[in-house]
Amino acid sequence: MKLQRVECHSGYKANERPLRFKLDDRNFDVKVLLDQWYGINYIYFKVRADDDNIYILKYDEHKDEWSLEFFKAKEKT
């Protein structure tokens, strides 16, 4: 699923890590970057958002495009 917008921290390179993203007309702040890994022309970010759910976001460096690859809802207690 293509994300509507992703705001990133840009340090030594552009789109270094996501800070917030918009999905289905709702904005989410990234609370914690849990993991990050690289593929060919891709960077994956596993994040916990301010709704306490887990998201895996993929950045396609070649197309300069973000997508949602995985979602896991917060466990209910």
N, C-alpha and C. Protein backbone atom coordinates (compact mmCIF):
# COMPACT_ATOMS: atom_id res chain seq x y z
N MET A 1 0.84 -1.17 0.00
CA MET A 1 0.00 0.00 0.00
C MET A 1 0.89 1.24 0.00
N LYS A 2 0.66 2.12 -0.93
CA LYS A 2 1.45 3.34 -1.04
C LYS A 2 1.04 4.32 0.07
N LEU A 3 2.04 4.90 0.71
CA LEU A 3 1.78 5.89 1.76
C LEU A 3 1.54 7.25 1.13
N GLN A 4 0.64 8.03 1.73
CA GLN A 4 0.31 9.33 1.18
C GLN A 4 1.43 10.35 1.38
N ARG A 5 2.11 10.25 2.52
CA ARG A 5 3.20 11.19 2.79
C ARG A 5 4.08 10.62 3.90
N VAL A 6 5.38 10.83 3.80
CA VAL A 6 6.31 10.44 4.84
C VAL A 6 7.27 11.61 5.07
N GLU A 7 7.37 12.05 6.32
CA GLU A 7 8.34 13.08 6.69
C GLU A 7 9.52 12.37 7.33
N CYS A 8 10.72 12.78 6.93
CA CYS A 8 11.92 12.07 7.37
C CYS A 8 12.95 13.00 7.98
N HIS A 9 13.80 12.39 8.79
CA HIS A 9 15.02 13.05 9.23
C HIS A 9 16.04 12.87 8.12
N SER A 10 16.67 13.94 7.73
CA SER A 10 17.72 13.86 6.72
C SER A 10 19.00 14.39 7.35
N GLY A 11 19.96 13.52 7.52
CA GLY A 11 21.24 13.89 8.10
C GLY A 11 22.29 13.91 7.02
N TYR A 12 23.16 12.91 7.03
CA TYR A 12 24.20 12.84 6.00
C TYR A 12 23.65 12.43 4.65
N LYS A 13 22.40 11.94 4.62
CA LYS A 13 21.75 11.64 3.35
C LYS A 13 20.25 11.89 3.49
N ALA A 14 19.55 12.02 2.38
CA ALA A 14 18.11 12.26 2.38
C ALA A 14 17.36 11.03 2.86
N ASN A 15 16.22 11.25 3.48
CA ASN A 15 15.34 10.17 3.94
C ASN A 15 16.07 9.15 4.80
N GLU A 16 16.83 9.66 5.75
CA GLU A 16 17.64 8.79 6.61
C GLU A 16 16.78 7.89 7.49
N ARG A 17 15.69 8.45 8.04
CA ARG A 17 14.75 7.64 8.81
C ARG A 17 13.42 8.38 8.91
N PRO A 18 12.29 7.64 8.92
CA PRO A 18 10.98 8.29 8.97
C PRO A 18 10.69 8.87 10.36
N LEU A 19 10.06 10.03 10.38
CA LEU A 19 9.63 10.68 11.62
C LEU A 19 8.13 10.62 11.78
N ARG A 20 7.40 10.75 10.69
CA ARG A 20 5.93 10.66 10.69
C ARG A 20 5.47 10.24 9.30
N PHE A 21 4.28 9.66 9.26
CA PHE A 21 3.73 9.23 7.98
C PHE A 21 2.21 9.36 8.00
N LYS A 22 1.64 9.41 6.81
CA LYS A 22 0.19 9.55 6.65
C LYS A 22 -0.33 8.32 5.92
N LEU A 23 -1.36 7.71 6.50
CA LEU A 23 -1.96 6.50 5.96
C LEU A 23 -3.47 6.61 6.12
N ASP A 24 -4.21 6.44 5.04
CA ASP A 24 -5.68 6.54 5.08
C ASP A 24 -6.15 7.82 5.77
N ASP A 25 -5.57 8.93 5.38
CA ASP A 25 -5.93 10.26 5.90
C ASP A 25 -5.70 10.42 7.39
N ARG A 26 -4.87 9.57 7.97
CA ARG A 26 -4.51 9.70 9.38
C ARG A 26 -3.00 9.86 9.50
N ASN A 27 -2.58 10.77 10.36
CA ASN A 27 -1.16 11.01 10.59
C ASN A 27 -0.66 10.21 11.78
N PHE A 28 0.55 9.65 11.64
CA PHE A 28 1.18 8.88 12.70
C PHE A 28 2.58 9.43 12.95
N ASP A 29 2.93 9.60 14.20
CA ASP A 29 4.30 9.94 14.58
C ASP A 29 5.04 8.66 14.90
N VAL A 30 6.28 8.58 14.47
CA VAL A 30 7.13 7.42 14.79
C VAL A 30 7.68 7.63 16.19
N LYS A 31 7.31 6.73 17.11
CA LYS A 31 7.82 6.80 18.48
C LYS A 31 9.19 6.17 18.59
N VAL A 32 9.35 4.99 17.96
CA VAL A 32 10.60 4.23 18.08
C VAL A 32 10.93 3.59 16.74
N LEU A 33 12.20 3.73 16.34
CA LEU A 33 12.71 2.97 15.20
C LEU A 33 13.23 1.66 15.77
N LEU A 34 12.54 0.55 15.46
CA LEU A 34 12.88 -0.75 16.04
C LEU A 34 13.96 -1.48 15.27
N ASP A 35 13.98 -1.31 13.95
CA ASP A 35 14.95 -2.01 13.12
C ASP A 35 15.02 -1.32 11.77
N GLN A 36 16.09 -1.62 11.05
CA GLN A 36 16.29 -1.05 9.72
C GLN A 36 17.18 -2.01 8.95
N TRP A 37 16.84 -2.28 7.69
CA TRP A 37 17.68 -3.12 6.87
C TRP A 37 17.56 -2.70 5.41
N TYR A 38 18.52 -3.17 4.62
CA TYR A 38 18.65 -2.72 3.24
C TYR A 38 18.44 -3.86 2.26
N GLY A 39 17.82 -3.54 1.15
CA GLY A 39 17.71 -4.43 0.01
C GLY A 39 18.31 -3.70 -1.18
N ILE A 40 18.22 -4.28 -2.36
CA ILE A 40 18.72 -3.61 -3.55
C ILE A 40 17.77 -2.47 -3.89
N ASN A 41 18.25 -1.24 -3.79
CA ASN A 41 17.47 -0.01 -4.04
C ASN A 41 16.35 0.22 -3.02
N TYR A 42 16.33 -0.52 -1.92
CA TYR A 42 15.29 -0.35 -0.92
C TYR A 42 15.91 -0.19 0.46
N ILE A 43 15.17 0.51 1.33
CA ILE A 43 15.48 0.54 2.75
C ILE A 43 14.18 0.23 3.49
N TYR A 44 14.24 -0.67 4.43
CA TYR A 44 13.08 -1.04 5.23
C TYR A 44 13.26 -0.49 6.64
N PHE A 45 12.15 -0.01 7.22
CA PHE A 45 12.15 0.53 8.56
C PHE A 45 11.02 -0.12 9.35
N LYS A 46 11.36 -0.76 10.44
CA LYS A 46 10.36 -1.32 11.35
C LYS A 46 10.19 -0.30 12.47
N VAL A 47 8.97 0.25 12.61
CA VAL A 47 8.74 1.33 13.56
C VAL A 47 7.53 1.03 14.44
N ARG A 48 7.56 1.63 15.63
CA ARG A 48 6.37 1.67 16.48
C ARG A 48 5.85 3.10 16.41
N ALA A 49 4.60 3.24 16.01
CA ALA A 49 4.00 4.56 15.86
C ALA A 49 3.31 5.00 17.15
N ASP A 50 2.78 6.21 17.15
CA ASP A 50 2.15 6.75 18.35
C ASP A 50 0.84 6.06 18.72
N ASP A 51 0.33 5.17 17.87
CA ASP A 51 -0.83 4.35 18.21
C ASP A 51 -0.41 3.02 18.83
N ASP A 52 0.91 2.85 19.07
CA ASP A 52 1.54 1.65 19.64
C ASP A 52 1.46 0.42 18.74
N ASN A 53 1.11 0.58 17.48
CA ASN A 53 1.15 -0.51 16.52
C ASN A 53 2.50 -0.54 15.82
N ILE A 54 2.83 -1.69 15.23
CA ILE A 54 4.09 -1.89 14.53
C ILE A 54 3.85 -1.78 13.02
N TYR A 55 4.71 -1.06 12.33
CA TYR A 55 4.62 -0.88 10.89
C TYR A 55 5.99 -1.15 10.27
N ILE A 56 6.00 -1.77 9.10
CA ILE A 56 7.22 -1.85 8.32
C ILE A 56 7.00 -1.01 7.08
N LEU A 57 7.84 0.02 6.95
CA LEU A 57 7.77 0.94 5.84
C LEU A 57 8.94 0.66 4.91
N LYS A 58 8.68 0.72 3.61
CA LYS A 58 9.73 0.49 2.62
C LYS A 58 9.93 1.76 1.81
N TYR A 59 11.19 2.17 1.69
CA TYR A 59 11.53 3.31 0.85
C TYR A 59 12.25 2.80 -0.39
N ASP A 60 11.66 3.06 -1.56
CA ASP A 60 12.27 2.69 -2.84
C ASP A 60 13.13 3.87 -3.28
N GLU A 61 14.43 3.72 -3.15
CA GLU A 61 15.35 4.81 -3.48
C GLU A 61 15.32 5.14 -4.97
N HIS A 62 15.10 4.14 -5.80
CA HIS A 62 15.09 4.35 -7.25
C HIS A 62 13.87 5.18 -7.68
N LYS A 63 12.70 4.87 -7.14
CA LYS A 63 11.46 5.59 -7.50
C LYS A 63 11.17 6.76 -6.57
N ASP A 64 11.93 6.88 -5.46
CA ASP A 64 11.67 7.89 -4.44
C ASP A 64 10.22 7.78 -3.95
N GLU A 65 9.87 6.55 -3.51
CA GLU A 65 8.49 6.24 -3.15
C GLU A 65 8.46 5.39 -1.89
N TRP A 66 7.48 5.66 -1.02
CA TRP A 66 7.29 4.93 0.23
C TRP A 66 6.08 4.03 0.14
N SER A 67 6.14 2.87 0.81
CA SER A 67 4.98 1.98 0.88
C SER A 67 4.93 1.29 2.25
N LEU A 68 3.74 0.88 2.62
CA LEU A 68 3.52 0.10 3.84
C LEU A 68 3.62 -1.37 3.46
N GLU A 69 4.54 -2.11 4.09
CA GLU A 69 4.76 -3.51 3.77
C GLU A 69 4.15 -4.46 4.79
N PHE A 70 3.96 -3.98 6.03
CA PHE A 70 3.50 -4.85 7.10
C PHE A 70 2.88 -4.00 8.20
N PHE A 71 1.86 -4.57 8.85
CA PHE A 71 1.20 -3.92 9.98
C PHE A 71 0.89 -4.96 11.04
N LYS A 72 1.18 -4.65 12.29
CA LYS A 72 0.81 -5.52 13.40
C LYS A 72 0.17 -4.67 14.48
N ALA A 73 -1.07 -5.00 14.82
CA ALA A 73 -1.80 -4.25 15.84
C ALA A 73 -1.25 -4.54 17.22
N LYS A 74 -1.37 -3.54 18.07
CA LYS A 74 -0.94 -3.67 19.47
C LYS A 74 -1.72 -4.81 20.13
N GLU A 75 -0.99 -5.60 20.91
CA GLU A 75 -1.66 -6.69 21.63
C GLU A 75 -2.54 -6.13 22.73
N LYS A 76 -3.73 -6.64 22.80
CA LYS A 76 -4.67 -6.18 23.83
C LYS A 76 -4.37 -6.88 25.14
N THR A 77 -4.44 -6.12 26.22
CA THR A 77 -4.18 -6.71 27.55
C THR A 77 -5.43 -6.75 28.38
